[in-house]
Amino acid sequence: MTPLVVVLAAGQGRRFREVAGAGQDKLLAPCVGRDGHRRPVIEQVLRNLPVQFTRRLLVTTADRPGVASLARTYGCQVLIVEPGGMGDSIAAAVALGPSAGGWLLVLGDMPFVLPASIEQVAAALMPDSIAVPLHQGERGHPVGFGAGFSAALAGLSGDRGAKRLFASARVAEVAVPDLGVLWDVDEPQALV
């Protein structure tokens, strides 16, 4: 089955705000994408989702109506959560679709991931494994979790994401020539 794409966009972006200013939201910051067009960070992320992934869910907070609106424009269901950690966001998303054919976790602050890399990670996903892109020996995002991880993902909480699940799982590393799988925008200078 095609996995449910979960775009995680509920983080507070503290490091970005420390540099850019308290009122700045990194997800709405202007960003020149790999296609040369300037759009908000989150819109770049949403545009990069391959069209065949029609089951899409964006997890965000109530104080981000602009992010939620863009998500709906790109065919995402929107889940509003209380500010918390990545583990809380993942658990809430899985609770909405516990019988999905797997989950492809896409970070809302990674606007430079190529659609082909997302497709390759999804293609490597098996019910009992984790699939992760590998660029020059370093693991990146998005990360895919097979259907067998439903309970483990639903049990996550706090700031820790799903990284701890790697220790006891079969992990399929997918080599990609895409630097975008490692490129997040935690600070404004990463947008250049």
Foldseek 3Di string as FASTA:
>chain_A
DFFAEEEEAAAPLVLACVAPHVVDDQQQDWFQEPVRDTGGLLLLQLVQADPVNQRYEYEYAPVCVVSVVSCVVSNYHYHHDDRFAQLVRQLVVCVVPLQGQWYWYHYSQLNHDHSVQSVQQRVPEDQFAKEFEAEPRDTFDGIIHGSVCSVVSNPTGGHDHCVVVNVPGHYHYHYDNGPSRHQGPSHPVSRD
